[in-house]
């Protein structure tokens, strides 16, 4: 078994209109991720509360299996919503990796 996280790039809209589609994609990724999952969020152009719910469900499912989740390279849209919902701390602060375009001192 590999220790490398399975990397899944998400792009476009992470919102209510794609929630059912993305849920299936994420469920498949969870079942194919024996060492944990990294979600590359650099291509996410829009995110709403349904998108956040999907990310929270992934985190919960991986945590229940004792596996790590990493959220990498969050786009400006993701960073803005996480700041608005205060998700950078307790919910995703420990798994959120900074974006390449984040300014020094800016929350990831």
Protein backbone atom coordinates (compact mmCIF):
# COMPACT_ATOMS: atom_id res chain seq x y z
CA UNK A 1 0.00 0.00 0.00
CA UNK A 2 1.35 3.44 -0.95
CA UNK A 3 1.74 6.23 1.60
CA UNK A 4 1.06 8.90 -1.03
CA UNK A 5 -2.21 10.79 -0.87
CA UNK A 6 -4.51 10.42 -3.85
CA UNK A 7 -4.65 13.83 -5.55
CA UNK A 8 -7.99 14.91 -6.99
CA UNK A 9 -8.13 18.26 -8.79
CA UNK A 10 -11.49 20.00 -8.55
CA UNK A 11 -12.33 22.74 -11.00
CA UNK A 12 -15.17 24.96 -12.04
CA UNK A 13 -18.12 25.43 -9.76
CA UNK A 14 -18.27 23.67 -6.42
CA UNK A 15 -21.89 24.58 -5.74
CA UNK A 16 -25.47 23.38 -5.38
CA UNK A 17 -25.84 22.93 -9.13
CA UNK A 18 -22.99 20.39 -9.25
CA UNK A 19 -23.37 18.90 -5.78
CA UNK A 20 -24.84 15.55 -6.89
CA UNK A 21 -22.23 15.13 -9.64
CA UNK A 22 -19.34 16.08 -7.35
CA UNK A 23 -20.64 13.86 -4.57
CA UNK A 24 -20.25 10.86 -6.87
CA UNK A 25 -16.75 11.96 -7.88
CA UNK A 26 -15.74 12.41 -4.25
CA UNK A 27 -17.25 9.09 -3.17
CA UNK A 28 -15.26 7.32 -5.87
CA UNK A 29 -12.09 9.14 -4.80
CA UNK A 30 -12.68 8.17 -1.17
CA UNK A 31 -12.95 4.51 -2.07
CA UNK A 32 -9.77 4.73 -4.17
CA UNK A 33 -7.71 6.54 -1.51
CA UNK A 34 -6.05 3.99 0.76
CA UNK A 35 -3.62 6.54 2.24
CA UNK A 36 -5.80 9.65 2.27
CA UNK A 37 -6.90 12.33 -0.14
CA UNK A 38 -5.58 15.65 -1.38
CA UNK A 39 -8.10 17.94 -3.06
CA UNK A 40 -6.46 20.48 -5.36
CA UNK A 41 -8.78 23.49 -5.19
CA UNK A 42 -6.80 25.78 -7.49
CA UNK A 43 -9.33 25.46 -10.33
CA UNK A 44 -12.45 26.16 -8.28
CA UNK A 45 -14.08 29.28 -9.73
CA UNK A 46 -17.11 29.36 -7.43
CA UNK A 47 -18.05 27.71 -4.16
CA UNK A 48 -21.17 27.94 -2.01
CA UNK A 49 -22.46 26.28 1.15
CA UNK A 50 -23.25 23.06 -0.74
CA UNK A 51 -19.60 22.89 -1.79
CA UNK A 52 -18.52 23.44 1.79
CA UNK A 53 -20.87 20.64 2.91
CA UNK A 54 -19.22 18.28 0.43
CA UNK A 55 -15.76 19.16 1.74
CA UNK A 56 -16.91 18.69 5.33
CA UNK A 57 -18.39 15.28 4.44
CA UNK A 58 -15.11 14.20 2.84
CA UNK A 59 -13.21 15.32 5.93
CA UNK A 60 -15.63 13.46 8.22
CA UNK A 61 -15.45 10.26 6.18
CA UNK A 62 -11.66 10.26 5.99
CA UNK A 63 -11.35 11.09 9.69
CA UNK A 64 -13.64 8.15 10.55
CA UNK A 65 -11.26 5.89 8.60
CA UNK A 66 -8.20 7.43 10.27
CA UNK A 67 -6.96 8.89 6.99
CA UNK A 68 -5.72 12.40 6.26
CA UNK A 69 -7.28 15.07 4.07
CA UNK A 70 -5.31 17.90 2.53
CA UNK A 71 -6.88 20.85 0.73
CA UNK A 72 -4.22 22.34 -1.51
CA UNK A 73 -3.84 25.53 -3.52
CA UNK A 74 -7.24 27.03 -2.71
CA UNK A 75 -8.41 29.48 -5.35
CA UNK A 76 -9.33 33.05 -4.45
CA UNK A 77 -13.01 32.02 -4.43
CA UNK A 78 -12.32 29.23 -1.92
CA UNK A 79 -10.15 31.44 0.28
CA UNK A 80 -12.80 34.17 0.28
CA UNK A 81 -15.62 31.81 1.30
CA UNK A 82 -13.50 30.06 3.94
CA UNK A 83 -12.68 33.47 5.41
CA UNK A 84 -16.35 34.51 5.33
CA UNK A 85 -17.47 31.28 7.03
CA UNK A 86 -14.43 31.25 9.38
CA UNK A 87 -13.43 27.79 8.13
CA UNK A 88 -9.67 28.45 8.14
CA UNK A 89 -9.44 27.62 11.84
CA UNK A 90 -11.28 24.76 13.47
CA UNK A 91 -12.73 23.13 10.37
CA UNK A 92 -10.01 23.25 7.73
CA UNK A 93 -7.09 25.14 9.28
CA UNK A 94 -5.11 21.97 9.88
CA UNK A 95 -5.57 20.59 6.35
CA UNK A 96 -5.56 23.74 4.21
CA UNK A 97 -2.32 24.31 2.31
CA UNK A 98 -1.51 27.84 1.06
CA UNK A 99 -2.18 28.84 -2.53
CA UNK A 100 0.69 29.94 -4.72
CA UNK A 101 -0.97 33.34 -5.25
CA UNK A 102 -1.70 33.97 -1.55
CA UNK A 103 -0.18 37.18 -0.30
CA UNK A 104 2.24 37.06 2.65
CA UNK A 105 0.22 37.25 5.86
CA UNK A 106 -3.01 36.31 4.03
CA UNK A 107 -4.98 33.39 5.42
CA UNK A 108 -4.50 30.28 3.26
